[in-house]
Amino acid sequence: MNFSINSIYQWYKETLRNPKYRWWIILGTCVYLFSPIDIAPDFIPIAGQIDDLAVLTLLMAELSQMFAGRLKSRQDSPGPEASESEATVDVDAVPMQD
């Protein structure tokens, strides 16, 4: 089997965007970050922190893209407030006499 970093990244990204598995992937990533069992153990001075930093960066990038997409979809769809504020009201104005 030929695994590459790009194929793992694509799998992670697609699975994270699937609502059925999203929270499992987030939970698994958090468990990996706090677990003593890593690709490179944390007691190795530099390499131990690099893999955790890479996984944390990947998680934060994907979560920020998800939240940005959700925020954009909220702004694109008009809510009930927009329809009320854009309604035109015709008023027959009468000047007041003193």
PDB file of N, CA and C in Angstrom:
ATOM      1  N   MET A   1       0.840  -1.170   0.000  1.00  0.00           N
ATOM      2  CA  MET A   1       0.000   0.000   0.000  1.00  0.00           C
ATOM      3  C   MET A   1       0.890   1.240   0.000  1.00  0.00           C
ATOM      4  N   ASN A   2       0.512   2.180  -0.802  1.00  0.00           N
ATOM      5  CA  ASN A   2       1.292   3.401  -0.927  1.00  0.00           C
ATOM      6  C   ASN A   2       0.531   4.547  -0.267  1.00  0.00           C
ATOM      7  N   PHE A   3       1.002   4.968   0.908  1.00  0.00           N
ATOM      8  CA  PHE A   3       0.390   6.075   1.616  1.00  0.00           C
ATOM      9  C   PHE A   3       1.257   7.313   1.457  1.00  0.00           C
ATOM     10  N   SER A   4       0.619   8.419   1.249  1.00  0.00           N
ATOM     11  CA  SER A   4       1.357   9.674   1.209  1.00  0.00           C
ATOM     12  C   SER A   4       0.686  10.651   2.164  1.00  0.00           C
ATOM     13  N   ILE A   5       1.403  11.681   2.489  1.00  0.00           N
ATOM     14  CA  ILE A   5       0.848  12.689   3.391  1.00  0.00           C
ATOM     15  C   ILE A   5      -0.364  13.355   2.758  1.00  0.00           C
ATOM     16  N   ASN A   6      -0.321  13.578   1.449  1.00  0.00           N
ATOM     17  CA  ASN A   6      -1.447  14.213   0.755  1.00  0.00           C
ATOM     18  C   ASN A   6      -2.698  13.330   0.799  1.00  0.00           C
ATOM     19  N   SER A   7      -2.536  12.018   0.635  1.00  0.00           N
ATOM     20  CA  SER A   7      -3.710  11.138   0.675  1.00  0.00           C
ATOM     21  C   SER A   7      -4.313  11.093   2.084  1.00  0.00           C
ATOM     22  N   ILE A   8      -3.469  11.120   3.109  1.00  0.00           N
ATOM     23  CA  ILE A   8      -3.970  11.144   4.485  1.00  0.00           C
ATOM     24  C   ILE A   8      -4.687  12.459   4.753  1.00  0.00           C
ATOM     25  N   TYR A   9      -4.124  13.561   4.254  1.00  0.00           N
ATOM     26  CA  TYR A   9      -4.752  14.867   4.429  1.00  0.00           C
ATOM     27  C   TYR A   9      -6.112  14.911   3.728  1.00  0.00           C
ATOM     28  N   GLN A  10      -6.203  14.393   2.515  1.00  0.00           N
ATOM     29  CA  GLN A  10      -7.471  14.394   1.777  1.00  0.00           C
ATOM     30  C   GLN A  10      -8.517  13.552   2.508  1.00  0.00           C
ATOM     31  N   TRP A  11      -8.108  12.394   3.021  1.00  0.00           N
ATOM     32  CA  TRP A  11      -9.040  11.556   3.787  1.00  0.00           C
ATOM     33  C   TRP A  11      -9.526  12.295   5.024  1.00  0.00           C
ATOM     34  N   TYR A  12      -8.622  12.923   5.756  1.00  0.00           N
ATOM     35  CA  TYR A  12      -8.975  13.655   6.971  1.00  0.00           C
ATOM     36  C   TYR A  12      -9.940  14.778   6.647  1.00  0.00           C
ATOM     37  N   LYS A  13      -9.656  15.531   5.596  1.00  0.00           N
ATOM     38  CA  LYS A  13     -10.483  16.674   5.228  1.00  0.00           C
ATOM     39  C   LYS A  13     -11.882  16.227   4.822  1.00  0.00           C
ATOM     40  N   GLU A  14     -11.991  15.202   4.004  1.00  0.00           N
ATOM     41  CA  GLU A  14     -13.299  14.729   3.549  1.00  0.00           C
ATOM     42  C   GLU A  14     -14.093  14.107   4.695  1.00  0.00           C
ATOM     43  N   THR A  15     -13.439  13.377   5.569  1.00  0.00           N
ATOM     44  CA  THR A  15     -14.129  12.767   6.699  1.00  0.00           C
ATOM     45  C   THR A  15     -14.588  13.822   7.687  1.00  0.00           C
ATOM     46  N   LEU A  16     -13.770  14.853   7.889  1.00  0.00           N
ATOM     47  CA  LEU A  16     -14.139  15.920   8.813  1.00  0.00           C
ATOM     48  C   LEU A  16     -15.331  16.708   8.301  1.00  0.00           C
ATOM     49  N   ARG A  17     -15.480  16.815   7.012  1.00  0.00           N
ATOM     50  CA  ARG A  17     -16.618  17.560   6.456  1.00  0.00           C
ATOM     51  C   ARG A  17     -17.891  16.722   6.381  1.00  0.00           C
ATOM     52  N   ASN A  18     -17.791  15.445   6.619  1.00  0.00           N
ATOM     53  CA  ASN A  18     -18.962  14.584   6.647  1.00  0.00           C
ATOM     54  C   ASN A  18     -19.620  14.712   8.018  1.00  0.00           C
ATOM     55  N   PRO A  19     -20.855  15.200   8.073  1.00  0.00           N
ATOM     56  CA  PRO A  19     -21.489  15.432   9.381  1.00  0.00           C
ATOM     57  C   PRO A  19     -21.620  14.173  10.225  1.00  0.00           C
ATOM     58  N   LYS A  20     -21.661  13.022   9.596  1.00  0.00           N
ATOM     59  CA  LYS A  20     -21.822  11.771  10.337  1.00  0.00           C
ATOM     60  C   LYS A  20     -20.574  11.448  11.161  1.00  0.00           C
ATOM     61  N   TYR A  21     -19.398  11.808  10.649  1.00  0.00           N
ATOM     62  CA  TYR A  21     -18.145  11.448  11.314  1.00  0.00           C
ATOM     63  C   TYR A  21     -17.400  12.641  11.903  1.00  0.00           C
ATOM     64  N   ARG A  22     -17.908  13.841  11.708  1.00  0.00           N
ATOM     65  CA  ARG A  22     -17.183  15.053  12.084  1.00  0.00           C
ATOM     66  C   ARG A  22     -16.739  15.045  13.549  1.00  0.00           C
ATOM     67  N   TRP A  23     -17.664  14.792  14.470  1.00  0.00           N
ATOM     68  CA  TRP A  23     -17.316  14.874  15.893  1.00  0.00           C
ATOM     69  C   TRP A  23     -16.424  13.728  16.329  1.00  0.00           C
ATOM     70  N   TRP A  24     -16.515  12.590  15.654  1.00  0.00           N
ATOM     71  CA  TRP A  24     -15.609  11.490  15.964  1.00  0.00           C
ATOM     72  C   TRP A  24     -14.170  11.840  15.574  1.00  0.00           C
ATOM     73  N   ILE A  25     -14.009  12.488  14.436  1.00  0.00           N
ATOM     74  CA  ILE A  25     -12.675  12.885  13.989  1.00  0.00           C
ATOM     75  C   ILE A  25     -12.105  13.960  14.912  1.00  0.00           C
ATOM     76  N   ILE A  26     -12.929  14.919  15.308  1.00  0.00           N
ATOM     77  CA  ILE A  26     -12.462  15.964  16.220  1.00  0.00           C
ATOM     78  C   ILE A  26     -12.062  15.356  17.563  1.00  0.00           C
ATOM     79  N   LEU A  27     -12.889  14.459  18.080  1.00  0.00           N
ATOM     80  CA  LEU A  27     -12.571  13.788  19.344  1.00  0.00           C
ATOM     81  C   LEU A  27     -11.301  12.948  19.215  1.00  0.00           C
ATOM     82  N   GLY A  28     -11.176  12.219  18.126  1.00  0.00           N
ATOM     83  CA  GLY A  28      -9.976  11.402  17.904  1.00  0.00           C
ATOM     84  C   GLY A  28      -8.721  12.240  17.790  1.00  0.00           C
ATOM     85  N   THR A  29      -8.826  13.388  17.151  1.00  0.00           N
ATOM     86  CA  THR A  29      -7.672  14.279  17.038  1.00  0.00           C
ATOM     87  C   THR A  29      -7.277  14.826  18.401  1.00  0.00           C
ATOM     88  N   CYS A  30      -8.257  15.201  19.211  1.00  0.00           N
ATOM     89  CA  CYS A  30      -7.950  15.696  20.558  1.00  0.00           C
ATOM     90  C   CYS A  30      -7.335  14.599  21.426  1.00  0.00           C
ATOM     91  N   VAL A  31      -7.831  13.380  21.313  1.00  0.00           N
ATOM     92  CA  VAL A  31      -7.259  12.263  22.063  1.00  0.00           C
ATOM     93  C   VAL A  31      -5.821  12.032  21.622  1.00  0.00           C
ATOM     94  N   TYR A  32      -5.563  12.109  20.311  1.00  0.00           N
ATOM     95  CA  TYR A  32      -4.205  11.930  19.800  1.00  0.00           C
ATOM     96  C   TYR A  32      -3.269  13.002  20.358  1.00  0.00           C
ATOM     97  N   LEU A  33      -3.753  14.232  20.435  1.00  0.00           N
ATOM     98  CA  LEU A  33      -2.899  15.316  20.921  1.00  0.00           C
ATOM     99  C   LEU A  33      -2.511  15.135  22.388  1.00  0.00           C
ATOM    100  N   PHE A  34      -3.425  14.599  23.195  1.00  0.00           N
ATOM    101  CA  PHE A  34      -3.146  14.451  24.621  1.00  0.00           C
ATOM    102  C   PHE A  34      -2.650  13.054  24.995  1.00  0.00           C
ATOM    103  N   SER A  35      -2.616  12.145  24.041  1.00  0.00           N
ATOM    104  CA  SER A  35      -2.192  10.776  24.308  1.00  0.00           C
ATOM    105  C   SER A  35      -0.665  10.673  24.318  1.00  0.00           C
ATOM    106  N   PRO A  36      -0.124   9.820  25.179  1.00  0.00           N
ATOM    107  CA  PRO A  36       1.327   9.610  25.146  1.00  0.00           C
ATOM    108  C   PRO A  36       1.762   8.736  23.965  1.00  0.00           C
ATOM    109  N   ILE A  37       0.812   8.106  23.296  1.00  0.00           N
ATOM    110  CA  ILE A  37       1.132   7.254  22.145  1.00  0.00           C
ATOM    111  C   ILE A  37       0.983   8.106  20.886  1.00  0.00           C
ATOM    112  N   ASP A  38       2.095   8.425  20.254  1.00  0.00           N
ATOM    113  CA  ASP A  38       2.125   9.282  19.076  1.00  0.00           C
ATOM    114  C   ASP A  38       2.973   8.627  17.993  1.00  0.00           C
ATOM    115  N   ILE A  39       2.977   9.257  16.837  1.00  0.00           N
ATOM    116  CA  ILE A  39       3.902   8.850  15.782  1.00  0.00           C
ATOM    117  C   ILE A  39       5.327   9.105  16.259  1.00  0.00           C
ATOM    118  N   ALA A  40       5.542  10.278  16.820  1.00  0.00           N
ATOM    119  CA  ALA A  40       6.819  10.630  17.448  1.00  0.00           C
ATOM    120  C   ALA A  40       6.505  10.989  18.894  1.00  0.00           C
ATOM    121  N   PRO A  41       6.954  10.178  19.850  1.00  0.00           N
ATOM    122  CA  PRO A  41       6.627  10.445  21.266  1.00  0.00           C
ATOM    123  C   PRO A  41       7.099  11.830  21.708  1.00  0.00           C
ATOM    124  N   ASP A  42       6.388  12.393  22.666  1.00  0.00           N
ATOM    125  CA  ASP A  42       6.656  13.759  23.099  1.00  0.00           C
ATOM    126  C   ASP A  42       7.977  13.916  23.849  1.00  0.00           C
ATOM    127  N   PHE A  43       8.535  12.837  24.364  1.00  0.00           N
ATOM    128  CA  PHE A  43       9.796  12.978  25.086  1.00  0.00           C
ATOM    129  C   PHE A  43      10.989  13.164  24.139  1.00  0.00           C
ATOM    130  N   ILE A  44      10.809  12.937  22.843  1.00  0.00           N
ATOM    131  CA  ILE A  44      11.849  13.249  21.870  1.00  0.00           C
ATOM    132  C   ILE A  44      11.808  14.762  21.661  1.00  0.00           C
ATOM    133  N   PRO A  45      12.911  15.470  21.882  1.00  0.00           N
ATOM    134  CA  PRO A  45      12.874  16.934  22.011  1.00  0.00           C
ATOM    135  C   PRO A  45      12.138  17.706  20.920  1.00  0.00           C
ATOM    136  N   ILE A  46      12.445  17.595  19.682  1.00  0.00           N
ATOM    137  CA  ILE A  46      11.813  18.438  18.660  1.00  0.00           C
ATOM    138  C   ILE A  46      10.753  17.662  17.879  1.00  0.00           C
ATOM    139  N   ALA A  47      11.071  16.458  17.482  1.00  0.00           N
ATOM    140  CA  ALA A  47      10.149  15.664  16.660  1.00  0.00           C
ATOM    141  C   ALA A  47       8.851  15.359  17.399  1.00  0.00           C
ATOM    142  N   GLY A  48       8.915  15.228  18.710  1.00  0.00           N
ATOM    143  CA  GLY A  48       7.719  14.935  19.497  1.00  0.00           C
ATOM    144  C   GLY A  48       6.704  16.055  19.470  1.00  0.00           C
ATOM    145  N   GLN A  49       7.178  17.269  19.372  1.00  0.00           N
ATOM    146  CA  GLN A  49       6.265  18.400  19.328  1.00  0.00           C
ATOM    147  C   GLN A  49       5.838  18.731  17.901  1.00  0.00           C
ATOM    148  N   ILE A  50       6.659  18.397  16.917  1.00  0.00           N
ATOM    149  CA  ILE A  50       6.330  18.720  15.523  1.00  0.00           C
ATOM    150  C   ILE A  50       5.093  17.956  15.060  1.00  0.00           C
ATOM    151  N   ASP A  51       4.979  16.667  15.370  1.00  0.00           N
ATOM    152  CA  ASP A  51       3.806  15.920  14.905  1.00  0.00           C
ATOM    153  C   ASP A  51       2.532  16.417  15.576  1.00  0.00           C
ATOM    154  N   ASP A  52       2.617  16.762  16.875  1.00  0.00           N
ATOM    155  CA  ASP A  52       1.444  17.315  17.552  1.00  0.00           C
ATOM    156  C   ASP A  52       1.069  18.673  16.966  1.00  0.00           C
ATOM    157  N   LEU A  53       2.058  19.492  16.674  1.00  0.00           N
ATOM    158  CA  LEU A  53       1.803  20.801  16.089  1.00  0.00           C
ATOM    159  C   LEU A  53       1.187  20.665  14.694  1.00  0.00           C
ATOM    160  N   ALA A  54       1.650  19.694  13.922  1.00  0.00           N
ATOM    161  CA  ALA A  54       1.087  19.481  12.582  1.00  0.00           C
ATOM    162  C   ALA A  54      -0.371  19.041  12.666  1.00  0.00           C
ATOM    163  N   VAL A  55      -0.676  18.123  13.557  1.00  0.00           N
ATOM    164  CA  VAL A  55      -2.057  17.651  13.712  1.00  0.00           C
ATOM    165  C   VAL A  55      -2.948  18.773  14.238  1.00  0.00           C
ATOM    166  N   LEU A  56      -2.446  19.559  15.192  1.00  0.00           N
ATOM    167  CA  LEU A  56      -3.216  20.676  15.727  1.00  0.00           C
ATOM    168  C   LEU A  56      -3.461  21.739  14.651  1.00  0.00           C
ATOM    169  N   THR A  57      -2.454  22.020  13.838  1.00  0.00           N
ATOM    170  CA  THR A  57      -2.613  22.985  12.749  1.00  0.00           C
ATOM    171  C   THR A  57      -3.639  22.494  11.738  1.00  0.00           C
ATOM    172  N   LEU A  58      -3.591  21.231  11.397  1.00  0.00           N
ATOM    173  CA  LEU A  58      -4.561  20.645  10.469  1.00  0.00           C
ATOM    174  C   LEU A  58      -5.978  20.751  11.022  1.00  0.00           C
ATOM    175  N   LEU A  59      -6.149  20.418  12.290  1.00  0.00           N
ATOM    176  CA  LEU A  59      -7.466  20.498  12.911  1.00  0.00           C
ATOM    177  C   LEU A  59      -7.980  21.937  12.931  1.00  0.00           C
ATOM    178  N   MET A  60      -7.144  22.871  13.329  1.00  0.00           N
ATOM    179  CA  MET A  60      -7.574  24.273  13.406  1.00  0.00           C
ATOM    180  C   MET A  60      -7.893  24.826  12.014  1.00  0.00           C
ATOM    181  N   ALA A  61      -7.125  24.457  11.009  1.00  0.00           N
ATOM    182  CA  ALA A  61      -7.394  24.942   9.653  1.00  0.00           C
ATOM    183  C   ALA A  61      -8.731  24.429   9.142  1.00  0.00           C
ATOM    184  N   GLU A  62      -9.002  23.159   9.344  1.00  0.00           N
ATOM    185  CA  GLU A  62     -10.253  22.587   8.868  1.00  0.00           C
ATOM    186  C   GLU A  62     -11.450  23.127   9.646  1.00  0.00           C
ATOM    187  N   LEU A  63     -11.304  23.287  10.961  1.00  0.00           N
ATOM    188  CA  LEU A  63     -12.415  23.843  11.751  1.00  0.00           C
ATOM    189  C   LEU A  63     -12.694  25.288  11.362  1.00  0.00           C
ATOM    190  N   SER A  64     -11.652  26.065  11.103  1.00  0.00           N
ATOM    191  CA  SER A  64     -11.886  27.461  10.711  1.00  0.00           C
ATOM    192  C   SER A  64     -12.550  27.534   9.348  1.00  0.00           C
ATOM    193  N   GLN A  65     -12.216  26.625   8.422  1.00  0.00           N
ATOM    194  CA  GLN A  65     -12.892  26.598   7.122  1.00  0.00           C
ATOM    195  C   GLN A  65     -14.355  26.200   7.273  1.00  0.00           C
ATOM    196  N   MET A  66     -14.633  25.251   8.171  1.00  0.00           N
ATOM    197  CA  MET A  66     -16.018  24.839   8.397  1.00  0.00           C
ATOM    198  C   MET A  66     -16.831  25.991   8.975  1.00  0.00           C
ATOM    199  N   PHE A  67     -16.275  26.688   9.967  1.00  0.00           N
ATOM    200  CA  PHE A  67     -16.997  27.796  10.582  1.00  0.00           C
ATOM    201  C   PHE A  67     -17.163  28.957   9.619  1.00  0.00           C
ATOM    202  N   ALA A  68     -16.155  29.222   8.801  1.00  0.00           N
ATOM    203  CA  ALA A  68     -16.262  30.295   7.808  1.00  0.00           C
ATOM    204  C   ALA A  68     -17.336  29.965   6.776  1.00  0.00           C
ATOM    205  N   GLY A  69     -17.407  28.713   6.344  1.00  0.00           N
ATOM    206  CA  GLY A  69     -18.447  28.291   5.406  1.00  0.00           C
ATOM    207  C   GLY A  69     -19.827  28.397   6.007  1.00  0.00           C
ATOM    208  N   ARG A  70     -19.945  28.021   7.265  1.00  0.00           N
ATOM    209  CA  ARG A  70     -21.242  28.114   7.942  1.00  0.00           C
ATOM    210  C   ARG A  70     -21.660  29.571   8.114  1.00  0.00           C
ATOM    211  N   LEU A  71     -20.716  30.432   8.469  1.00  0.00           N
ATOM    212  CA  LEU A  71     -21.007  31.852   8.626  1.00  0.00           C
ATOM    213  C   LEU A  71     -21.404  32.473   7.286  1.00  0.00           C
ATOM    214  N   LYS A  72     -20.724  32.080   6.226  1.00  0.00           N
ATOM    215  CA  LYS A  72     -21.044  32.608   4.902  1.00  0.00           C
ATOM    216  C   LYS A  72     -22.430  32.148   4.452  1.00  0.00           C
ATOM    217  N   SER A  73     -22.769  30.893   4.717  1.00  0.00           N
ATOM    218  CA  SER A  73     -24.091  30.402   4.323  1.00  0.00           C
ATOM    219  C   SER A  73     -25.193  31.097   5.126  1.00  0.00           C
ATOM    220  N   ARG A  74     -24.905  31.454   6.371  1.00  0.00           N
ATOM    221  CA  ARG A  74     -25.877  32.202   7.171  1.00  0.00           C
ATOM    222  C   ARG A  74     -26.084  33.603   6.610  1.00  0.00           C
ATOM    223  N   GLN A  75     -25.018  34.240   6.159  1.00  0.00           N
ATOM    224  CA  GLN A  75     -25.124  35.586   5.621  1.00  0.00           C
ATOM    225  C   GLN A  75     -25.788  35.589   4.258  1.00  0.00           C
ATOM    226  N   ASP A  76     -25.598  34.534   3.473  1.00  0.00           N
ATOM    227  CA  ASP A  76     -26.194  34.454   2.140  1.00  0.00           C
ATOM    228  C   ASP A  76     -27.698  34.233   2.187  1.00  0.00           C
ATOM    229  N   SER A  77     -28.167  33.475   3.159  1.00  0.00           N
ATOM    230  CA  SER A  77     -29.598  33.198   3.233  1.00  0.00           C
ATOM    231  C   SER A  77     -30.285  34.302   4.034  1.00  0.00           C
ATOM    232  N   PRO A  78     -31.272  34.962   3.428  1.00  0.00           N
ATOM    233  CA  PRO A  78     -31.950  36.034   4.156  1.00  0.00           C
ATOM    234  C   PRO A  78     -32.848  35.464   5.243  1.00  0.00           C
ATOM    235  N   GLY A  79     -32.784  36.081   6.384  1.00  0.00           N
ATOM    236  CA  GLY A  79     -33.615  35.652   7.503  1.00  0.00           C
ATOM    237  C   GLY A  79     -34.893  36.454   7.541  1.00  0.00           C
ATOM    238  N   PRO A  80     -35.731  36.235   8.525  1.00  0.00           N
ATOM    239  CA  PRO A  80     -36.992  36.980   8.618  1.00  0.00           C
ATOM    240  C   PRO A  80     -36.768  38.469   8.876  1.00  0.00           C
ATOM    241  N   GLU A  81     -35.638  38.840   9.500  1.00  0.00           N
ATOM    242  CA  GLU A  81     -35.383  40.247   9.763  1.00  0.00           C
ATOM    243  C   GLU A  81     -35.183  41.016   8.461  1.00  0.00           C
ATOM    244  N   ALA A  82     -34.532  40.388   7.486  1.00  0.00           N
ATOM    245  CA  ALA A  82     -34.245  41.080   6.229  1.00  0.00           C
ATOM    246  C   ALA A  82     -35.522  41.356   5.453  1.00  0.00           C
ATOM    247  N   SER A  83     -36.465  40.422   5.461  1.00  0.00           N
ATOM    248  CA  SER A  83     -37.687  40.631   4.693  1.00  0.00           C
ATOM    249  C   SER A  83     -38.553  41.727   5.327  1.00  0.00           C
ATOM    250  N   GLU A  84     -38.525  41.851   6.647  1.00  0.00           N
ATOM    251  CA  GLU A  84     -39.316  42.880   7.304  1.00  0.00           C
ATOM    252  C   GLU A  84     -38.723  44.266   7.091  1.00  0.00           C
ATOM    253  N   SER A  85     -37.407  44.369   7.102  1.00  0.00           N
ATOM    254  CA  SER A  85     -36.792  45.682   6.979  1.00  0.00           C
ATOM    255  C   SER A  85     -36.828  46.199   5.547  1.00  0.00           C
ATOM    256  N   GLU A  86     -36.978  45.330   4.572  1.00  0.00           N
ATOM    257  CA  GLU A  86     -37.012  45.746   3.183  1.00  0.00           C
ATOM    258  C   GLU A  86     -38.435  46.007   2.691  1.00  0.00           C
ATOM    259  N   ALA A  87     -39.426  45.817   3.529  1.00  0.00           N
ATOM    260  CA  ALA A  87     -40.810  46.039   3.122  1.00  0.00           C
ATOM    261  C   ALA A  87     -41.057  47.532   2.950  1.00  0.00           C
ATOM    262  N   THR A  88     -41.813  47.870   1.939  1.00  0.00           N
ATOM    263  CA  THR A  88     -42.149  49.259   1.660  1.00  0.00           C
ATOM    264  C   THR A  88     -43.487  49.587   2.298  1.00  0.00           C
ATOM    265  N   VAL A  89     -43.539  50.746   2.941  1.00  0.00           N
ATOM    266  CA  VAL A  89     -44.764  51.193   3.580  1.00  0.00           C
ATOM    267  C   VAL A  89     -45.175  52.489   2.915  1.00  0.00           C
ATOM    268  N   ASP A  90     -46.403  52.516   2.400  1.00  0.00           N
ATOM    269  CA  ASP A  90     -46.943  53.738   1.807  1.00  0.00           C
ATOM    270  C   ASP A  90     -47.706  54.499   2.877  1.00  0.00           C
ATOM    271  N   VAL A  91     -47.382  55.776   2.995  1.00  0.00           N
ATOM    272  CA  VAL A  91     -47.989  56.614   4.009  1.00  0.00           C
ATOM    273  C   VAL A  91     -48.543  57.853   3.311  1.00  0.00           C
ATOM    274  N   ASP A  92     -49.790  58.186   3.613  1.00  0.00           N
ATOM    275  CA  ASP A  92     -50.375  59.431   3.110  1.00  0.00           C
ATOM    276  C   ASP A  92     -50.002  60.540   4.087  1.00  0.00           C
ATOM    277  N   ALA A  93     -49.076  61.387   3.684  1.00  0.00           N
ATOM    278  CA  ALA A  93     -48.588  62.443   4.565  1.00  0.00           C
ATOM    279  C   ALA A  93     -49.494  63.668   4.452  1.00  0.00           C
ATOM    280  N   VAL A  94     -49.793  64.240   5.552  1.00  0.00           N
ATOM    281  CA  VAL A  94     -50.639  65.447   5.609  1.00  0.00           C
ATOM    282  C   VAL A  94     -49.834  66.509   6.351  1.00  0.00           C
ATOM    283  N   PRO A  95     -49.665  67.695   5.771  1.00  0.00           N
ATOM    284  CA  PRO A  95     -48.908  68.734   6.484  1.00  0.00           C
ATOM    285  C   PRO A  95     -49.701  69.220   7.684  1.00  0.00           C
ATOM    286  N   MET A  96     -48.991  69.521   8.747  1.00  0.00           N
ATOM    287  CA  MET A  96     -49.624  69.993   9.979  1.00  0.00           C
ATOM    288  C   MET A  96     -49.659  71.516   9.978  1.00  0.00           C
ATOM    289  N   GLN A  97     -50.781  72.079  10.402  1.00  0.00           N
ATOM    290  CA  GLN A  97     -50.966  73.525  10.483  1.00  0.00           C
ATOM    291  C   GLN A  97     -50.836  73.955  11.922  1.00  0.00           C
ATOM    292  N   ASP A  98     -50.164  75.058  12.185  1.00  0.00           N
ATOM    293  CA  ASP A  98     -50.085  75.606  13.544  1.00  0.00           C
ATOM    294  C   ASP A  98     -51.171  76.583  13.789  1.00  0.00           C
TER     295      ASP A  98
END
